[in-house]
């Protein structure tokens, strides 16, 4: 009888121990949910993006013009006789797309409900020319042939146009319009990710200049 009582007592202690420790054990075994700050949420979104991805901020449409010309002379008995200047002028609308790479953006802090972002570099993503609206004007020297000097001027102007359209895009990089596009695009993304409406975006690339085009239009 005494052995039975002892056995029942031990069983009661074991069951009681399991009963009281079960909640703690279940808590330890259950996956822990760690709430991320708004700064972490935004930065994690950037990390998850592909390295070659870009956040397009906006575009600017403008007319771009390129001129190329030269003069020719005929040497006769030591005298340089001018044959006139040939010049080609090309004009076409271009659309310049601006944006930022994920590694150029960072959420710094969240103070008093305001999320603070910094942008290290704004880039020209692409420059597209509407060739269907290309205007070409050619002026041929009085003693020169359009089929020769005129054709050369047009070909050289077209090549120069392709290069200079990127310089035109670069010259607008730090404009107020581009800055506004970047801020609005990042604010919209930050609000969608974090739920914060008050977002401050600061550009750090005050001396940024595009060295080579990222893509051809």
N, C-alpha and C. Protein backbone atom coordinates (compact mmCIF):
# COMPACT_ATOMS: atom_id res chain seq x y z
N UNK A 1 0.83 -1.21 0.00
CA UNK A 1 0.00 0.00 0.00
C UNK A 1 0.87 1.26 0.00
N UNK A 2 1.90 1.19 0.87
CA UNK A 2 2.80 2.35 0.95
C UNK A 2 3.51 2.57 -0.37
N UNK A 3 3.91 1.47 -1.05
CA UNK A 3 4.58 1.60 -2.35
C UNK A 3 3.66 2.22 -3.39
N UNK A 4 2.38 1.86 -3.31
CA UNK A 4 1.40 2.42 -4.26
C UNK A 4 1.25 3.92 -4.07
N UNK A 5 1.19 4.33 -2.80
CA UNK A 5 1.04 5.77 -2.50
C UNK A 5 2.27 6.53 -3.00
N UNK A 6 3.45 5.89 -2.75
CA UNK A 6 4.70 6.55 -3.20
C UNK A 6 4.73 6.71 -4.72
N UNK A 7 4.32 5.64 -5.42
CA UNK A 7 4.31 5.67 -6.89
C UNK A 7 3.35 6.74 -7.40
N UNK A 8 2.15 6.82 -6.78
CA UNK A 8 1.17 7.82 -7.20
C UNK A 8 1.66 9.24 -6.95
N UNK A 9 2.37 9.39 -5.86
CA UNK A 9 2.90 10.72 -5.52
C UNK A 9 3.94 11.17 -6.56
N UNK A 10 4.82 10.22 -6.94
CA UNK A 10 5.85 10.54 -7.94
C UNK A 10 5.20 10.89 -9.28
N UNK A 11 4.18 10.12 -9.65
CA UNK A 11 3.48 10.39 -10.91
C UNK A 11 2.82 11.76 -10.89
N UNK A 12 2.24 12.10 -9.73
CA UNK A 12 1.58 13.41 -9.60
C UNK A 12 2.58 14.54 -9.75
N UNK A 13 3.77 14.36 -9.16
CA UNK A 13 4.80 15.38 -9.28
C UNK A 13 5.27 15.55 -10.72
N UNK A 14 5.43 14.41 -11.42
CA UNK A 14 5.87 14.47 -12.82
C UNK A 14 4.84 15.17 -13.69
N UNK A 15 3.55 14.79 -13.51
CA UNK A 15 2.49 15.40 -14.30
C UNK A 15 2.38 16.88 -13.99
N UNK A 16 2.51 17.23 -12.73
CA UNK A 16 2.43 18.65 -12.35
C UNK A 16 3.56 19.45 -12.95
N UNK A 17 4.77 18.83 -12.93
CA UNK A 17 5.92 19.52 -13.51
C UNK A 17 5.74 19.78 -14.99
N UNK A 18 5.24 18.77 -15.68
CA UNK A 18 4.98 18.93 -17.12
C UNK A 18 3.92 19.99 -17.36
N UNK A 19 2.91 20.00 -16.54
CA UNK A 19 1.79 20.95 -16.70
C UNK A 19 2.28 22.40 -16.57
N UNK A 20 3.10 22.62 -15.54
CA UNK A 20 3.56 24.00 -15.31
C UNK A 20 4.66 24.43 -16.28
N UNK A 21 5.46 23.48 -16.78
CA UNK A 21 6.56 23.84 -17.69
C UNK A 21 6.15 23.84 -19.15
N UNK A 22 4.99 23.27 -19.47
CA UNK A 22 4.55 23.16 -20.87
C UNK A 22 4.45 24.51 -21.57
N UNK A 23 3.83 25.54 -20.97
CA UNK A 23 3.73 26.84 -21.66
C UNK A 23 5.10 27.42 -22.02
N UNK A 24 6.04 27.32 -21.05
CA UNK A 24 7.38 27.85 -21.31
C UNK A 24 8.07 27.06 -22.41
N UNK A 25 7.90 25.72 -22.37
CA UNK A 25 8.51 24.86 -23.38
C UNK A 25 7.95 25.15 -24.77
N UNK A 26 6.64 25.30 -24.85
CA UNK A 26 6.01 25.61 -26.13
C UNK A 26 6.46 26.97 -26.65
N UNK A 27 6.64 27.92 -25.73
CA UNK A 27 7.08 29.27 -26.14
C UNK A 27 8.49 29.22 -26.74
N UNK A 28 9.33 28.37 -26.10
CA UNK A 28 10.71 28.27 -26.59
C UNK A 28 10.78 27.56 -27.93
N UNK A 29 9.90 26.57 -28.13
CA UNK A 29 9.91 25.81 -29.38
C UNK A 29 9.25 26.57 -30.53
N UNK A 30 8.30 27.43 -30.21
CA UNK A 30 7.57 28.15 -31.26
C UNK A 30 8.49 29.14 -31.97
N UNK A 31 8.32 29.35 -33.29
CA UNK A 31 9.14 30.32 -34.02
C UNK A 31 8.90 31.73 -33.50
N UNK A 32 9.98 32.46 -33.25
CA UNK A 32 9.87 33.80 -32.71
C UNK A 32 9.67 34.82 -33.84
N UNK A 33 8.70 35.67 -33.71
CA UNK A 33 8.43 36.72 -34.69
C UNK A 33 9.09 38.00 -34.22
N UNK A 34 10.10 38.46 -34.95
CA UNK A 34 10.82 39.67 -34.59
C UNK A 34 10.33 40.82 -35.47
N UNK A 35 9.80 41.82 -34.83
CA UNK A 35 9.29 42.96 -35.57
C UNK A 35 10.47 43.84 -36.01
N UNK A 36 10.52 44.13 -37.30
CA UNK A 36 11.58 44.96 -37.85
C UNK A 36 11.17 46.42 -37.82
N UNK A 37 12.15 47.28 -37.62
CA UNK A 37 11.88 48.71 -37.67
C UNK A 37 11.62 49.13 -39.11
N UNK A 38 11.06 50.30 -39.26
CA UNK A 38 10.78 50.80 -40.60
C UNK A 38 12.07 50.97 -41.41
N UNK A 39 13.16 51.36 -40.72
CA UNK A 39 14.45 51.50 -41.39
C UNK A 39 14.91 50.15 -41.93
N UNK A 40 14.79 49.10 -41.10
CA UNK A 40 15.19 47.76 -41.53
C UNK A 40 14.31 47.25 -42.68
N UNK A 41 13.02 47.52 -42.60
CA UNK A 41 12.10 47.08 -43.65
C UNK A 41 12.50 47.66 -45.00
N UNK A 42 12.78 48.96 -45.02
CA UNK A 42 13.12 49.61 -46.28
C UNK A 42 14.47 49.12 -46.80
N UNK A 43 15.47 49.04 -45.93
CA UNK A 43 16.80 48.60 -46.36
C UNK A 43 16.80 47.14 -46.80
N UNK A 44 15.99 46.30 -46.15
CA UNK A 44 15.89 44.90 -46.57
C UNK A 44 15.28 44.79 -47.97
N UNK A 45 14.31 45.66 -48.26
CA UNK A 45 13.72 45.67 -49.60
C UNK A 45 14.77 45.99 -50.65
N UNK A 46 15.66 46.94 -50.34
CA UNK A 46 16.73 47.29 -51.27
C UNK A 46 17.71 46.14 -51.47
N UNK A 47 18.03 45.45 -50.37
CA UNK A 47 18.96 44.32 -50.44
C UNK A 47 18.40 43.20 -51.30
N UNK A 48 17.08 43.01 -51.23
CA UNK A 48 16.44 41.92 -51.97
C UNK A 48 16.36 42.19 -53.47
N UNK A 49 16.56 43.44 -53.88
CA UNK A 49 16.50 43.76 -55.30
C UNK A 49 17.74 43.23 -56.02
N UNK A 50 17.61 42.96 -57.30
CA UNK A 50 18.74 42.47 -58.10
C UNK A 50 19.80 43.56 -58.21
N UNK A 51 21.08 43.16 -58.24
CA UNK A 51 22.17 44.15 -58.30
C UNK A 51 22.08 45.11 -59.48
N UNK A 52 21.57 44.60 -60.62
CA UNK A 52 21.51 45.45 -61.81
C UNK A 52 20.15 46.13 -61.96
N UNK A 53 19.33 46.03 -60.93
CA UNK A 53 18.00 46.66 -60.99
C UNK A 53 18.13 48.17 -60.83
N UNK A 54 17.07 48.87 -61.19
CA UNK A 54 17.06 50.32 -61.04
C UNK A 54 15.66 50.77 -60.64
N UNK A 55 15.61 51.78 -59.82
CA UNK A 55 14.34 52.39 -59.44
C UNK A 55 14.14 53.60 -60.34
N UNK A 56 13.23 53.48 -61.29
CA UNK A 56 13.00 54.59 -62.23
C UNK A 56 12.22 55.69 -61.53
N UNK A 57 12.77 56.90 -61.62
CA UNK A 57 12.16 58.03 -60.93
C UNK A 57 11.24 58.84 -61.83
N UNK A 58 11.61 58.98 -63.09
CA UNK A 58 10.80 59.80 -64.00
C UNK A 58 11.57 60.07 -65.28
N UNK A 59 10.96 60.86 -66.15
CA UNK A 59 11.63 61.19 -67.40
C UNK A 59 11.35 62.63 -67.78
N UNK A 60 12.24 63.15 -68.61
CA UNK A 60 12.11 64.51 -69.14
C UNK A 60 12.14 64.42 -70.66
N UNK A 61 11.22 65.10 -71.32
CA UNK A 61 11.20 65.17 -72.78
C UNK A 61 11.67 66.56 -73.21
N UNK A 62 12.58 66.58 -74.16
CA UNK A 62 13.11 67.85 -74.64
C UNK A 62 13.56 67.69 -76.08
N UNK A 63 13.75 68.81 -76.77
CA UNK A 63 14.30 68.79 -78.12
C UNK A 63 15.82 68.88 -78.05
N UNK A 64 16.47 68.05 -78.84
CA UNK A 64 17.93 68.06 -78.86
C UNK A 64 18.40 68.38 -80.28
N UNK A 65 19.40 69.24 -80.37
CA UNK A 65 19.90 69.68 -81.67
C UNK A 65 21.40 69.46 -81.76
N UNK A 66 21.85 69.02 -82.94
CA UNK A 66 23.28 68.80 -83.17
C UNK A 66 23.66 69.36 -84.54
N UNK A 67 24.76 70.09 -84.57
CA UNK A 67 25.25 70.69 -85.81
C UNK A 67 26.66 70.18 -86.12
N UNK A 68 26.90 69.89 -87.38
CA UNK A 68 28.26 69.55 -87.82
C UNK A 68 28.49 70.21 -89.18
N UNK A 69 29.66 70.79 -89.35
CA UNK A 69 29.97 71.43 -90.62
C UNK A 69 31.47 71.63 -90.80
N UNK A 70 31.86 71.95 -92.03
CA UNK A 70 33.26 72.26 -92.31
C UNK A 70 33.36 73.12 -93.57
N UNK A 71 34.53 73.68 -93.77
CA UNK A 71 34.79 74.50 -94.95
C UNK A 71 35.81 73.80 -95.84
N UNK A 72 35.75 74.10 -97.13
CA UNK A 72 36.70 73.51 -98.08
C UNK A 72 37.33 74.62 -98.92
N UNK A 73 38.59 74.36 -99.33
CA UNK A 73 39.32 75.35 -100.14
C UNK A 73 40.01 74.63 -101.29
N UNK A 74 40.17 75.35 -102.38
CA UNK A 74 40.91 74.84 -103.53
C UNK A 74 42.19 75.65 -103.69
N UNK A 75 43.29 74.94 -103.66
CA UNK A 75 44.59 75.62 -103.81
C UNK A 75 44.91 75.75 -105.29
N UNK A 76 45.17 76.99 -105.72
CA UNK A 76 45.49 77.24 -107.13
C UNK A 76 46.55 78.32 -107.19
N UNK A 77 47.74 77.92 -107.67
CA UNK A 77 48.87 78.84 -107.81
C UNK A 77 49.17 79.54 -106.48
N UNK A 78 49.10 78.73 -105.40
CA UNK A 78 49.41 79.27 -104.08
C UNK A 78 48.29 80.08 -103.46
N UNK A 79 47.18 80.11 -104.13
CA UNK A 79 46.04 80.87 -103.61
C UNK A 79 44.96 79.90 -103.12
N UNK A 80 44.44 80.13 -101.91
CA UNK A 80 43.37 79.31 -101.35
C UNK A 80 42.02 79.91 -101.75
N UNK A 81 41.34 79.20 -102.62
CA UNK A 81 40.02 79.66 -103.09
C UNK A 81 38.94 78.95 -102.28
N UNK A 82 38.14 79.70 -101.52
CA UNK A 82 37.10 79.08 -100.71
C UNK A 82 35.99 78.48 -101.58
N UNK A 83 35.61 77.23 -101.25
CA UNK A 83 34.52 76.56 -101.96
C UNK A 83 33.20 76.59 -101.17
N UNK A 84 33.26 77.25 -100.02
CA UNK A 84 32.04 77.38 -99.22
C UNK A 84 31.99 76.39 -98.06
N UNK A 85 31.11 76.66 -97.13
CA UNK A 85 30.95 75.81 -95.94
C UNK A 85 29.72 74.93 -96.10
N UNK A 86 29.87 73.68 -95.73
CA UNK A 86 28.73 72.75 -95.72
C UNK A 86 28.38 72.45 -94.27
N UNK A 87 27.10 72.49 -93.99
CA UNK A 87 26.65 72.32 -92.60
C UNK A 87 25.37 71.49 -92.56
N UNK A 88 25.28 70.59 -91.58
CA UNK A 88 24.06 69.79 -91.37
C UNK A 88 23.58 70.02 -89.94
N UNK A 89 22.29 70.25 -89.80
CA UNK A 89 21.67 70.48 -88.49
C UNK A 89 20.60 69.41 -88.27
N UNK A 90 20.73 68.68 -87.17
CA UNK A 90 19.75 67.63 -86.81
C UNK A 90 19.00 68.05 -85.56
N UNK A 91 17.68 67.86 -85.59
CA UNK A 91 16.84 68.13 -84.41
C UNK A 91 15.86 66.98 -84.24
N UNK A 92 15.72 66.53 -82.98
CA UNK A 92 14.77 65.45 -82.69
C UNK A 92 14.41 65.50 -81.22
N UNK A 93 13.19 65.09 -80.88
CA UNK A 93 12.82 65.01 -79.45
C UNK A 93 13.50 63.82 -78.79
N UNK A 94 13.96 64.01 -77.58
CA UNK A 94 14.55 62.92 -76.82
C UNK A 94 13.82 62.78 -75.48
N UNK A 95 13.79 61.55 -74.99
CA UNK A 95 13.17 61.26 -73.69
C UNK A 95 14.27 60.69 -72.78
N UNK A 96 14.52 61.39 -71.67
CA UNK A 96 15.60 61.02 -70.75
C UNK A 96 15.00 60.40 -69.49
N UNK A 97 15.41 59.16 -69.20
CA UNK A 97 14.91 58.46 -68.01
C UNK A 97 15.96 58.54 -66.90
N UNK A 98 15.50 58.97 -65.72
CA UNK A 98 16.39 59.08 -64.57
C UNK A 98 15.98 58.09 -63.48
N UNK A 99 16.94 57.69 -62.65
CA UNK A 99 16.62 56.78 -61.57
C UNK A 99 17.81 56.54 -60.67
N UNK A 100 17.66 55.58 -59.75
CA UNK A 100 18.73 55.26 -58.81
C UNK A 100 18.87 53.75 -58.72
N UNK A 101 20.07 53.31 -58.39
CA UNK A 101 20.34 51.90 -58.14
C UNK A 101 20.05 51.61 -56.66
N UNK A 102 19.67 50.37 -56.34
CA UNK A 102 19.35 50.03 -54.94
C UNK A 102 20.50 50.31 -53.97
N UNK A 103 21.75 50.09 -54.42
CA UNK A 103 22.89 50.30 -53.51
C UNK A 103 23.23 51.77 -53.33
N UNK A 104 22.50 52.67 -54.00
CA UNK A 104 22.75 54.10 -53.84
C UNK A 104 21.74 54.76 -52.92
N UNK A 105 20.82 53.96 -52.36
CA UNK A 105 19.78 54.49 -51.48
C UNK A 105 19.88 53.80 -50.12
N UNK A 106 19.61 54.55 -49.06
CA UNK A 106 19.65 53.97 -47.73
C UNK A 106 18.71 54.71 -46.79
N UNK A 107 18.01 53.95 -45.97
CA UNK A 107 17.21 54.54 -44.90
C UNK A 107 18.12 54.76 -43.70
N UNK A 108 18.18 55.98 -43.18
CA UNK A 108 19.10 56.32 -42.10
C UNK A 108 18.46 56.16 -40.73
N UNK A 109 17.33 56.79 -40.54
CA UNK A 109 16.66 56.71 -39.24
C UNK A 109 15.19 57.07 -39.37
N UNK A 110 14.49 56.90 -38.29
CA UNK A 110 13.08 57.26 -38.20
C UNK A 110 12.88 58.03 -36.90
N UNK A 111 12.88 59.36 -37.03
CA UNK A 111 12.74 60.21 -35.86
C UNK A 111 11.41 60.95 -35.90
N UNK A 112 10.72 60.86 -34.79
CA UNK A 112 9.43 61.55 -34.65
C UNK A 112 8.46 61.24 -35.79
N UNK A 113 8.51 59.98 -36.23
CA UNK A 113 7.57 59.56 -37.27
C UNK A 113 7.97 59.96 -38.68
N UNK A 114 9.19 60.48 -38.84
CA UNK A 114 9.67 60.86 -40.18
C UNK A 114 10.81 59.91 -40.59
N UNK A 115 10.62 59.21 -41.71
CA UNK A 115 11.64 58.31 -42.23
C UNK A 115 12.61 59.10 -43.08
N UNK A 116 13.90 58.98 -42.78
CA UNK A 116 14.93 59.76 -43.47
C UNK A 116 15.71 58.85 -44.42
N UNK A 117 15.70 59.19 -45.71
CA UNK A 117 16.44 58.45 -46.74
C UNK A 117 17.53 59.33 -47.33
N UNK A 118 18.64 58.69 -47.73
CA UNK A 118 19.68 59.42 -48.44
C UNK A 118 19.93 58.73 -49.78
N UNK A 119 20.27 59.54 -50.79
CA UNK A 119 20.58 59.04 -52.13
C UNK A 119 21.99 59.48 -52.48
N UNK A 120 22.87 58.50 -52.74
CA UNK A 120 24.27 58.82 -53.05
C UNK A 120 24.47 59.23 -54.50
N UNK A 121 23.63 58.69 -55.40
CA UNK A 121 23.86 58.96 -56.82
C UNK A 121 22.58 58.77 -57.62
N UNK A 122 22.25 59.75 -58.42
CA UNK A 122 21.15 59.67 -59.38
C UNK A 122 21.77 59.45 -60.76
N UNK A 123 21.20 58.56 -61.55
CA UNK A 123 21.79 58.20 -62.83
C UNK A 123 20.84 58.43 -64.00
N UNK A 124 21.45 58.58 -65.16
CA UNK A 124 20.69 58.54 -66.41
C UNK A 124 20.54 57.08 -66.78
N UNK A 125 19.32 56.58 -66.80
CA UNK A 125 19.09 55.17 -67.10
C UNK A 125 19.08 54.91 -68.60
N UNK A 126 18.50 55.83 -69.35
CA UNK A 126 18.50 55.68 -70.81
C UNK A 126 18.10 57.00 -71.44
N UNK A 127 18.46 57.15 -72.71
CA UNK A 127 18.08 58.33 -73.49
C UNK A 127 17.55 57.82 -74.82
N UNK A 128 16.28 58.06 -75.08
CA UNK A 128 15.64 57.57 -76.30
C UNK A 128 15.32 58.74 -77.22
N UNK A 129 15.79 58.67 -78.46
CA UNK A 129 15.48 59.69 -79.46
C UNK A 129 14.37 59.20 -80.37
N UNK A 130 13.42 60.08 -80.65
CA UNK A 130 12.32 59.75 -81.56
C UNK A 130 12.77 60.06 -82.99
N UNK A 131 13.38 59.07 -83.62
CA UNK A 131 13.93 59.26 -84.96
C UNK A 131 12.84 59.54 -86.00
N UNK A 132 11.61 59.11 -85.72
CA UNK A 132 10.52 59.35 -86.66
C UNK A 132 10.23 60.85 -86.81
N UNK A 133 10.67 61.64 -85.83
CA UNK A 133 10.45 63.09 -85.88
C UNK A 133 11.76 63.84 -86.10
N UNK A 134 12.75 63.14 -86.63
CA UNK A 134 14.05 63.76 -86.88
C UNK A 134 13.96 64.79 -88.00
N UNK A 135 14.48 65.98 -87.73
CA UNK A 135 14.53 67.05 -88.73
C UNK A 135 15.99 67.25 -89.15
N UNK A 136 16.22 67.29 -90.46
CA UNK A 136 17.58 67.48 -90.98
C UNK A 136 17.59 68.64 -91.96
N UNK A 137 18.46 69.59 -91.70
CA UNK A 137 18.65 70.71 -92.62
C UNK A 137 20.11 70.72 -93.07
N UNK A 138 20.31 70.82 -94.36
CA UNK A 138 21.68 70.79 -94.89
C UNK A 138 21.93 72.03 -95.75
N UNK A 139 23.04 72.66 -95.49
CA UNK A 139 23.48 73.80 -96.29
C UNK A 139 24.81 73.42 -96.94
N UNK A 140 24.85 73.43 -98.27
CA UNK A 140 26.04 72.99 -99.00
C UNK A 140 26.78 74.20 -99.57
N UNK A 141 28.11 74.15 -99.45
CA UNK A 141 28.94 75.24 -99.98
C UNK A 141 28.69 75.48 -101.47
N UNK A 142 28.88 76.71 -101.91
CA UNK A 142 28.50 77.10 -103.27
C UNK A 142 29.21 76.27 -104.35
N UNK A 143 30.43 75.79 -104.08
CA UNK A 143 31.15 75.03 -105.10
C UNK A 143 31.35 73.57 -104.66
N UNK A 144 30.45 73.08 -103.83
CA UNK A 144 30.57 71.71 -103.34
C UNK A 144 29.31 70.92 -103.68
N UNK A 145 29.41 69.58 -103.66
CA UNK A 145 28.30 68.72 -104.04
C UNK A 145 27.58 68.17 -102.80
N UNK A 146 26.25 68.18 -102.88
CA UNK A 146 25.47 67.64 -101.76
C UNK A 146 25.71 66.14 -101.59
N UNK A 147 25.89 65.44 -102.70
CA UNK A 147 26.08 63.99 -102.64
C UNK A 147 27.41 63.63 -101.96
N UNK A 148 28.31 64.60 -101.88
CA UNK A 148 29.61 64.33 -101.26
C UNK A 148 29.70 65.02 -99.89
N UNK A 149 29.85 66.33 -99.91
CA UNK A 149 30.04 67.06 -98.65
C UNK A 149 28.75 67.08 -97.82
N UNK A 150 27.60 67.16 -98.50
CA UNK A 150 26.33 67.16 -97.78
C UNK A 150 26.08 65.84 -97.07
N UNK A 151 26.35 64.74 -97.77
CA UNK A 151 26.15 63.41 -97.18
C UNK A 151 27.11 63.18 -96.02
N UNK A 152 28.34 63.64 -96.17
CA UNK A 152 29.30 63.49 -95.08
C UNK A 152 28.87 64.28 -93.85
N UNK A 153 28.39 65.50 -94.08
CA UNK A 153 27.96 66.34 -92.96
C UNK A 153 26.79 65.70 -92.22
N UNK A 154 25.84 65.13 -92.95
CA UNK A 154 24.68 64.49 -92.30
C UNK A 154 25.11 63.26 -91.50
N UNK A 155 26.01 62.46 -92.06
CA UNK A 155 26.47 61.24 -91.37
C UNK A 155 27.22 61.60 -90.09
N UNK A 156 28.08 62.62 -90.18
CA UNK A 156 28.84 63.02 -89.01
C UNK A 156 27.94 63.66 -87.95
N UNK A 157 26.94 64.40 -88.39
CA UNK A 157 26.00 65.02 -87.45
C UNK A 157 25.20 63.95 -86.70
N UNK A 158 24.83 62.88 -87.41
CA UNK A 158 24.08 61.80 -86.76
C UNK A 158 24.92 61.12 -85.69
N UNK A 159 26.20 60.87 -86.00
CA UNK A 159 27.06 60.23 -85.01
C UNK A 159 27.27 61.15 -83.80
N UNK A 160 27.44 62.43 -84.08
CA UNK A 160 27.63 63.38 -82.98
C UNK A 160 26.36 63.51 -82.15
N UNK A 161 25.21 63.40 -82.80
CA UNK A 161 23.91 63.48 -82.11
C UNK A 161 23.81 62.37 -81.06
N UNK A 162 24.21 61.15 -81.44
CA UNK A 162 24.11 60.01 -80.53
C UNK A 162 24.95 60.22 -79.28
N UNK A 163 26.09 60.86 -79.42
CA UNK A 163 26.95 61.11 -78.26
C UNK A 163 26.47 62.30 -77.44
N UNK A 164 26.09 63.35 -78.11
CA UNK A 164 25.75 64.57 -77.38
C UNK A 164 24.43 64.48 -76.64
N UNK A 165 23.54 63.55 -77.03
CA UNK A 165 22.27 63.44 -76.31
C UNK A 165 22.50 62.96 -74.88
N UNK A 166 23.56 62.19 -74.65
CA UNK A 166 23.88 61.77 -73.29
C UNK A 166 24.45 62.93 -72.48
N UNK A 167 25.23 63.78 -73.13
CA UNK A 167 25.74 64.95 -72.42
C UNK A 167 24.59 65.88 -72.04
N UNK A 168 23.61 66.00 -72.92
CA UNK A 168 22.45 66.82 -72.61
C UNK A 168 21.69 66.25 -71.41
N UNK A 169 21.58 64.93 -71.37
CA UNK A 169 20.90 64.28 -70.24
C UNK A 169 21.68 64.49 -68.95
N UNK A 170 23.00 64.39 -69.05
CA UNK A 170 23.86 64.57 -67.89
C UNK A 170 23.75 65.98 -67.32
N UNK A 171 23.60 66.96 -68.20
CA UNK A 171 23.52 68.35 -67.76
C UNK A 171 22.26 68.63 -66.93
N UNK A 172 21.27 67.74 -67.03
CA UNK A 172 20.03 67.93 -66.28
C UNK A 172 19.99 67.10 -64.99
N UNK A 173 21.06 66.34 -64.72
CA UNK A 173 21.06 65.43 -63.57
C UNK A 173 20.72 66.11 -62.25
N UNK A 174 21.25 67.30 -62.05
CA UNK A 174 21.06 67.97 -60.76
C UNK A 174 19.97 69.03 -60.81
N UNK A 175 19.12 68.96 -61.82
CA UNK A 175 18.04 69.93 -61.92
C UNK A 175 17.00 69.68 -60.84
N UNK A 176 16.24 70.70 -60.53
CA UNK A 176 15.18 70.59 -59.52
C UNK A 176 14.12 69.58 -59.95
N UNK A 177 13.88 69.52 -61.26
CA UNK A 177 12.86 68.59 -61.76
C UNK A 177 13.26 67.14 -61.51
N UNK A 178 14.51 66.80 -61.80
CA UNK A 178 14.99 65.44 -61.57
C UNK A 178 14.99 65.12 -60.08
N UNK A 179 15.42 66.05 -59.26
CA UNK A 179 15.42 65.85 -57.81
C UNK A 179 14.00 65.59 -57.31
N UNK A 180 13.05 66.34 -57.83
CA UNK A 180 11.65 66.14 -57.42
C UNK A 180 11.14 64.77 -57.83
N UNK A 181 11.51 64.32 -59.03
CA UNK A 181 11.11 62.98 -59.50
C UNK A 181 11.66 61.91 -58.55
N UNK A 182 12.94 62.02 -58.21
CA UNK A 182 13.58 61.03 -57.35
C UNK A 182 12.92 60.99 -55.98
N UNK A 183 12.68 62.15 -55.42
CA UNK A 183 12.06 62.21 -54.09
C UNK A 183 10.66 61.60 -54.09
N UNK A 184 9.87 61.95 -55.07
CA UNK A 184 8.51 61.42 -55.12
C UNK A 184 8.49 59.91 -55.32
N UNK A 185 9.38 59.40 -56.16
CA UNK A 185 9.42 57.96 -56.41
C UNK A 185 9.82 57.20 -55.15
N UNK A 186 10.85 57.68 -54.45
CA UNK A 186 11.30 57.00 -53.24
C UNK A 186 10.31 57.14 -52.10
N UNK A 187 9.66 58.29 -52.02
CA UNK A 187 8.63 58.47 -50.99
C UNK A 187 7.50 57.47 -51.18
N UNK A 188 7.08 57.29 -52.42
CA UNK A 188 5.98 56.36 -52.70
C UNK A 188 6.36 54.93 -52.32
N UNK A 189 7.59 54.54 -52.64
CA UNK A 189 8.05 53.18 -52.30
C UNK A 189 8.17 53.01 -50.79
N UNK A 190 8.76 54.01 -50.13
CA UNK A 190 8.95 53.93 -48.68
C UNK A 190 7.61 53.85 -47.95
N UNK A 191 6.65 54.62 -48.40
CA UNK A 191 5.32 54.59 -47.77
C UNK A 191 4.65 53.24 -47.97
N UNK A 192 4.81 52.68 -49.16
CA UNK A 192 4.22 51.37 -49.44
C UNK A 192 4.85 50.27 -48.58
N UNK A 193 6.17 50.35 -48.36
CA UNK A 193 6.87 49.32 -47.60
C UNK A 193 6.66 49.48 -46.09
N UNK A 194 6.74 50.71 -45.60
CA UNK A 194 6.73 50.94 -44.15
C UNK A 194 5.41 51.48 -43.60
N UNK A 195 4.59 52.06 -44.47
CA UNK A 195 3.34 52.66 -43.99
C UNK A 195 3.52 54.07 -43.48
N UNK A 196 4.74 54.61 -43.56
CA UNK A 196 5.01 55.97 -43.10
C UNK A 196 4.79 56.95 -44.25
N UNK A 197 4.00 57.98 -43.99
CA UNK A 197 3.72 58.98 -45.03
C UNK A 197 4.72 60.13 -45.03
N UNK A 198 5.32 60.40 -43.88
CA UNK A 198 6.27 61.50 -43.76
C UNK A 198 7.67 60.96 -44.07
N UNK A 199 8.14 61.19 -45.29
CA UNK A 199 9.44 60.66 -45.73
C UNK A 199 10.30 61.81 -46.23
N UNK A 200 11.51 61.88 -45.72
CA UNK A 200 12.47 62.91 -46.15
C UNK A 200 13.55 62.25 -47.00
N UNK A 201 13.81 62.82 -48.17
CA UNK A 201 14.82 62.26 -49.09
C UNK A 201 15.87 63.33 -49.37
N UNK A 202 17.13 63.03 -49.08
CA UNK A 202 18.22 63.97 -49.32
C UNK A 202 19.16 63.41 -50.37
N UNK A 203 19.49 64.22 -51.38
CA UNK A 203 20.47 63.83 -52.39
C UNK A 203 21.86 64.23 -51.94
N UNK A 204 22.81 63.28 -52.03
CA UNK A 204 24.19 63.54 -51.64
C UNK A 204 25.09 63.80 -52.84
N UNK A 205 24.61 63.50 -54.05
CA UNK A 205 25.46 63.54 -55.25
C UNK A 205 25.47 64.93 -55.89
N UNK A 206 25.91 65.90 -55.15
CA UNK A 206 25.89 67.27 -55.65
C UNK A 206 26.89 67.50 -56.76
N UNK A 207 27.88 66.62 -56.89
CA UNK A 207 28.87 66.78 -57.96
C UNK A 207 28.84 65.61 -58.93
N UNK A 208 27.76 64.81 -58.89
CA UNK A 208 27.69 63.61 -59.74
C UNK A 208 27.59 64.01 -61.20
N UNK A 209 28.33 63.29 -62.03
CA UNK A 209 28.28 63.49 -63.48
C UNK A 209 28.37 62.15 -64.17
N UNK A 210 27.51 61.92 -65.15
CA UNK A 210 27.53 60.66 -65.91
C UNK A 210 28.77 60.59 -66.80
N UNK A 211 29.55 59.53 -66.66
CA UNK A 211 30.77 59.38 -67.45
C UNK A 211 30.52 58.61 -68.74
N UNK A 212 29.74 57.53 -68.65
CA UNK A 212 29.43 56.74 -69.84
C UNK A 212 27.96 56.39 -69.82
N UNK A 213 27.31 56.32 -70.98
CA UNK A 213 25.89 55.98 -71.01
C UNK A 213 25.67 54.55 -70.55
N UNK A 214 24.55 54.34 -69.80
CA UNK A 214 24.21 52.99 -69.33
C UNK A 214 23.52 52.19 -70.41
N UNK A 215 22.84 52.85 -71.30
CA UNK A 215 22.18 52.15 -72.42
C UNK A 215 21.95 53.16 -73.52
N UNK A 216 21.87 52.66 -74.73
CA UNK A 216 21.69 53.53 -75.90
C UNK A 216 20.23 53.62 -76.25
N UNK A 217 19.83 54.79 -76.75
CA UNK A 217 18.46 54.97 -77.15
C UNK A 217 18.28 54.65 -78.60
